[in-house]
N, C-alpha and C. Protein backbone atom coordinates (compact mmCIF):
# COMPACT_ATOMS: atom_id res chain seq x y z
N MET A 1 38.80 1.42 -35.34
CA MET A 1 39.50 0.17 -35.58
C MET A 1 39.84 0.07 -37.10
N GLU A 2 41.07 -0.27 -37.35
CA GLU A 2 41.58 -0.44 -38.72
C GLU A 2 41.02 -1.69 -39.36
N LEU A 3 40.52 -1.74 -40.52
CA LEU A 3 40.07 -2.98 -41.19
C LEU A 3 41.28 -3.63 -41.80
N PRO A 4 41.34 -5.02 -41.71
CA PRO A 4 42.36 -5.69 -42.54
C PRO A 4 42.22 -5.32 -43.96
N GLU A 5 43.26 -5.34 -44.71
CA GLU A 5 43.24 -4.86 -46.19
C GLU A 5 42.27 -5.63 -47.01
N ARG A 6 42.24 -6.93 -46.78
CA ARG A 6 41.29 -7.82 -47.60
C ARG A 6 39.82 -7.40 -47.30
N LEU A 7 39.54 -7.26 -46.05
CA LEU A 7 38.13 -6.77 -45.72
C LEU A 7 37.83 -5.39 -46.18
N HIS A 8 38.82 -4.51 -46.15
CA HIS A 8 38.59 -3.18 -46.59
C HIS A 8 38.33 -3.20 -48.16
N HIS A 9 39.03 -4.04 -48.88
CA HIS A 9 38.82 -4.22 -50.37
C HIS A 9 37.36 -4.74 -50.61
N LEU A 10 36.96 -5.80 -49.81
CA LEU A 10 35.66 -6.40 -50.04
C LEU A 10 34.57 -5.38 -49.67
N VAL A 11 34.65 -4.61 -48.68
CA VAL A 11 33.66 -3.52 -48.35
C VAL A 11 33.64 -2.60 -49.41
N SER A 12 34.77 -2.11 -49.80
CA SER A 12 34.79 -1.14 -50.93
C SER A 12 34.13 -1.55 -52.15
N GLU A 13 34.45 -2.92 -52.47
CA GLU A 13 33.81 -3.50 -53.67
C GLU A 13 32.34 -3.62 -53.55
N LEU A 14 31.87 -3.97 -52.36
CA LEU A 14 30.49 -4.05 -52.18
C LEU A 14 29.86 -2.67 -52.34
N GLY A 15 30.44 -1.63 -51.78
CA GLY A 15 29.88 -0.29 -51.91
C GLY A 15 29.74 0.04 -53.30
N ASP A 16 30.79 -0.15 -54.13
CA ASP A 16 30.79 0.12 -55.52
C ASP A 16 29.60 -0.54 -56.23
N SER A 17 29.43 -1.90 -55.85
CA SER A 17 28.39 -2.64 -56.48
C SER A 17 26.97 -2.08 -56.13
N LEU A 18 26.82 -1.72 -54.83
CA LEU A 18 25.55 -1.15 -54.39
C LEU A 18 25.23 0.17 -55.15
N VAL A 19 26.17 1.00 -55.22
CA VAL A 19 25.97 2.24 -55.91
C VAL A 19 25.58 2.03 -57.42
N LYS A 20 26.20 1.03 -57.97
CA LYS A 20 25.93 0.65 -59.41
C LYS A 20 24.49 0.16 -59.51
N VAL A 21 24.14 -0.72 -58.62
CA VAL A 21 22.75 -1.33 -58.60
C VAL A 21 21.65 -0.26 -58.41
N LEU A 22 21.90 0.60 -57.31
CA LEU A 22 21.00 1.73 -57.10
C LEU A 22 20.86 2.64 -58.30
N ALA A 23 21.94 2.97 -58.87
CA ALA A 23 21.95 3.95 -60.02
C ALA A 23 21.19 3.18 -61.30
N GLU A 24 21.11 1.97 -61.35
CA GLU A 24 20.53 1.31 -62.51
C GLU A 24 19.02 1.08 -62.27
N ASP A 25 18.55 1.25 -60.95
CA ASP A 25 17.17 1.00 -60.59
C ASP A 25 16.45 2.43 -60.84
N ASP A 26 15.44 2.36 -61.80
CA ASP A 26 14.74 3.62 -62.04
C ASP A 26 14.17 4.27 -60.85
N HIS A 27 13.43 3.49 -59.96
CA HIS A 27 12.92 4.16 -58.86
C HIS A 27 13.88 4.74 -57.87
N CYS A 28 14.97 4.07 -57.58
CA CYS A 28 15.99 4.60 -56.72
C CYS A 28 16.65 5.78 -57.38
N ARG A 29 16.96 5.78 -58.71
CA ARG A 29 17.46 6.93 -59.39
C ARG A 29 16.60 8.16 -59.29
N ASP A 30 15.27 7.94 -59.47
CA ASP A 30 14.29 9.01 -59.33
C ASP A 30 14.27 9.58 -57.94
N LEU A 31 14.30 8.75 -56.92
CA LEU A 31 14.39 9.24 -55.61
C LEU A 31 15.62 9.99 -55.28
N ALA A 32 16.79 9.60 -55.77
CA ALA A 32 17.94 10.25 -55.51
C ALA A 32 18.00 11.68 -56.24
N ILE A 33 17.34 11.72 -57.45
CA ILE A 33 17.24 12.99 -58.12
C ILE A 33 16.31 13.93 -57.42
N GLN A 34 15.25 13.48 -56.85
CA GLN A 34 14.30 14.33 -56.04
C GLN A 34 15.02 14.82 -54.82
N ILE A 35 15.75 14.00 -54.14
CA ILE A 35 16.46 14.50 -52.95
C ILE A 35 17.51 15.50 -53.31
N GLN A 36 18.34 15.21 -54.36
CA GLN A 36 19.29 16.17 -54.79
C GLN A 36 18.73 17.47 -55.27
N SER A 37 17.49 17.48 -55.85
CA SER A 37 16.84 18.67 -56.38
C SER A 37 16.40 19.50 -55.20
N GLU A 38 16.30 19.08 -53.99
CA GLU A 38 16.01 19.74 -52.80
C GLU A 38 17.19 20.30 -52.08
N GLY A 39 18.42 20.09 -52.77
CA GLY A 39 19.63 20.60 -52.29
C GLY A 39 20.42 19.74 -51.29
N TYR A 40 20.03 18.48 -51.29
CA TYR A 40 20.66 17.59 -50.42
C TYR A 40 21.68 16.66 -51.15
N GLY A 41 22.78 16.28 -50.54
CA GLY A 41 23.58 15.29 -51.12
C GLY A 41 23.41 13.96 -50.48
N LEU A 42 23.70 12.89 -51.20
CA LEU A 42 23.61 11.60 -50.68
C LEU A 42 24.93 10.91 -50.56
N VAL A 43 25.17 10.09 -49.33
CA VAL A 43 26.30 9.37 -49.15
C VAL A 43 25.90 7.97 -48.72
N LEU A 44 26.56 6.96 -49.38
CA LEU A 44 26.26 5.54 -48.87
C LEU A 44 27.42 5.20 -47.96
N ILE A 45 27.16 4.76 -46.79
CA ILE A 45 28.13 4.32 -45.80
C ILE A 45 27.93 2.89 -45.39
N LEU A 46 28.95 2.11 -45.57
CA LEU A 46 29.01 0.75 -45.21
C LEU A 46 29.99 0.54 -43.93
N GLU A 47 29.55 -0.26 -43.02
CA GLU A 47 30.32 -0.49 -41.94
C GLU A 47 30.53 -2.00 -41.72
N ALA A 48 31.74 -2.40 -41.52
CA ALA A 48 31.98 -3.81 -41.26
C ALA A 48 32.38 -3.98 -39.79
N ALA A 49 31.64 -4.79 -39.03
CA ALA A 49 31.84 -4.92 -37.65
C ALA A 49 32.03 -6.38 -37.32
N HIS A 50 32.95 -6.67 -36.55
CA HIS A 50 33.16 -8.06 -36.05
C HIS A 50 32.00 -8.42 -35.13
N LEU A 51 31.34 -9.61 -35.40
CA LEU A 51 30.25 -9.93 -34.49
C LEU A 51 30.69 -10.77 -33.29
N LYS A 52 30.29 -10.31 -32.07
CA LYS A 52 30.54 -11.12 -30.87
C LYS A 52 29.25 -11.40 -30.30
N LEU A 53 28.76 -12.69 -30.47
CA LEU A 53 27.39 -13.01 -30.01
C LEU A 53 27.53 -13.70 -28.71
N PRO A 54 26.54 -13.53 -27.87
CA PRO A 54 26.46 -14.15 -26.60
C PRO A 54 26.43 -15.75 -26.75
N ALA A 55 27.13 -16.43 -25.89
CA ALA A 55 27.22 -17.87 -25.95
C ALA A 55 25.89 -18.55 -26.04
N ASP A 56 24.89 -18.06 -25.36
CA ASP A 56 23.58 -18.60 -25.32
C ASP A 56 22.57 -18.07 -26.43
N SER A 57 23.13 -17.41 -27.51
CA SER A 57 22.27 -16.90 -28.48
C SER A 57 21.73 -17.91 -29.41
N GLY A 58 22.25 -19.16 -29.39
CA GLY A 58 21.78 -20.16 -30.27
C GLY A 58 22.38 -19.94 -31.74
N LEU A 59 23.11 -18.96 -31.98
CA LEU A 59 23.73 -18.74 -33.32
C LEU A 59 25.20 -19.02 -33.27
N GLU A 60 25.63 -19.57 -34.39
CA GLU A 60 27.06 -19.69 -34.54
C GLU A 60 27.64 -18.38 -34.65
N GLU A 61 28.89 -18.07 -34.32
CA GLU A 61 29.49 -16.81 -34.38
C GLU A 61 29.60 -16.23 -35.86
N THR A 62 29.56 -17.15 -36.85
CA THR A 62 29.74 -16.83 -38.20
C THR A 62 28.40 -16.51 -38.79
N GLU A 63 27.24 -16.72 -38.15
CA GLU A 63 25.96 -16.48 -38.70
C GLU A 63 25.38 -15.17 -38.28
N PRO A 64 25.31 -14.21 -39.17
CA PRO A 64 24.80 -12.88 -38.81
C PRO A 64 23.41 -12.84 -38.32
N PRO A 65 22.95 -12.18 -37.32
CA PRO A 65 21.56 -12.18 -36.83
C PRO A 65 20.67 -11.21 -37.65
N PHE A 66 20.31 -11.58 -38.84
CA PHE A 66 19.49 -10.73 -39.73
C PHE A 66 17.98 -10.96 -39.40
N SER A 67 17.29 -9.81 -39.34
CA SER A 67 15.92 -9.80 -39.21
C SER A 67 15.32 -10.11 -40.60
N GLU A 68 13.93 -10.33 -40.56
CA GLU A 68 13.29 -10.62 -41.82
C GLU A 68 13.33 -9.31 -42.71
N ASP A 69 13.22 -8.18 -42.13
CA ASP A 69 13.31 -6.92 -42.94
C ASP A 69 14.72 -6.81 -43.60
N ASP A 70 15.75 -7.30 -42.80
CA ASP A 70 17.13 -7.19 -43.39
C ASP A 70 17.25 -8.12 -44.52
N LYS A 71 16.71 -9.32 -44.38
CA LYS A 71 16.75 -10.32 -45.43
C LYS A 71 16.07 -9.86 -46.73
N ARG A 72 14.88 -9.29 -46.54
CA ARG A 72 14.13 -8.75 -47.68
C ARG A 72 14.85 -7.60 -48.42
N LEU A 73 15.51 -6.69 -47.57
CA LEU A 73 16.29 -5.62 -48.18
C LEU A 73 17.50 -6.24 -49.04
N MET A 74 18.15 -7.10 -48.37
CA MET A 74 19.30 -7.68 -48.99
C MET A 74 18.93 -8.53 -50.30
N LYS A 75 17.79 -9.16 -50.16
CA LYS A 75 17.29 -9.98 -51.35
C LYS A 75 16.99 -9.00 -52.55
N SER A 76 16.46 -7.76 -52.26
CA SER A 76 16.10 -6.84 -53.17
C SER A 76 17.37 -6.36 -53.96
N PHE A 77 18.56 -6.45 -53.21
CA PHE A 77 19.81 -6.07 -53.94
C PHE A 77 20.57 -7.31 -54.40
N ARG A 78 19.84 -8.44 -54.45
CA ARG A 78 20.46 -9.70 -54.88
C ARG A 78 21.69 -10.10 -54.02
N ILE A 79 21.61 -9.81 -52.71
CA ILE A 79 22.66 -10.16 -51.73
C ILE A 79 22.06 -11.48 -51.03
N ARG A 80 22.76 -12.51 -51.11
CA ARG A 80 22.56 -13.83 -50.44
C ARG A 80 22.82 -13.75 -48.94
N THR A 81 21.96 -14.40 -48.16
CA THR A 81 22.24 -14.40 -46.76
C THR A 81 22.55 -15.86 -46.27
N ASP A 82 22.67 -16.75 -47.22
CA ASP A 82 22.89 -18.13 -46.85
C ASP A 82 24.36 -18.53 -47.08
């Protein structure tokens, strides 16, 4: 499915920001170096998917169903979920 141009731009910008944040974090950079020293390359893949929630889910269609683990991970990257 082709992404609308605006969404494509936003996802691309988010990817660039995540790569920058990961590169600035000493622990993440060290892990990446260790992985690469073993001969592996790293690729960050982001996927944007339109959410279709069941009518009885209790969630509005615009509210992503994030788990507590998802929220902690996003918070560590300074991504707001509200």
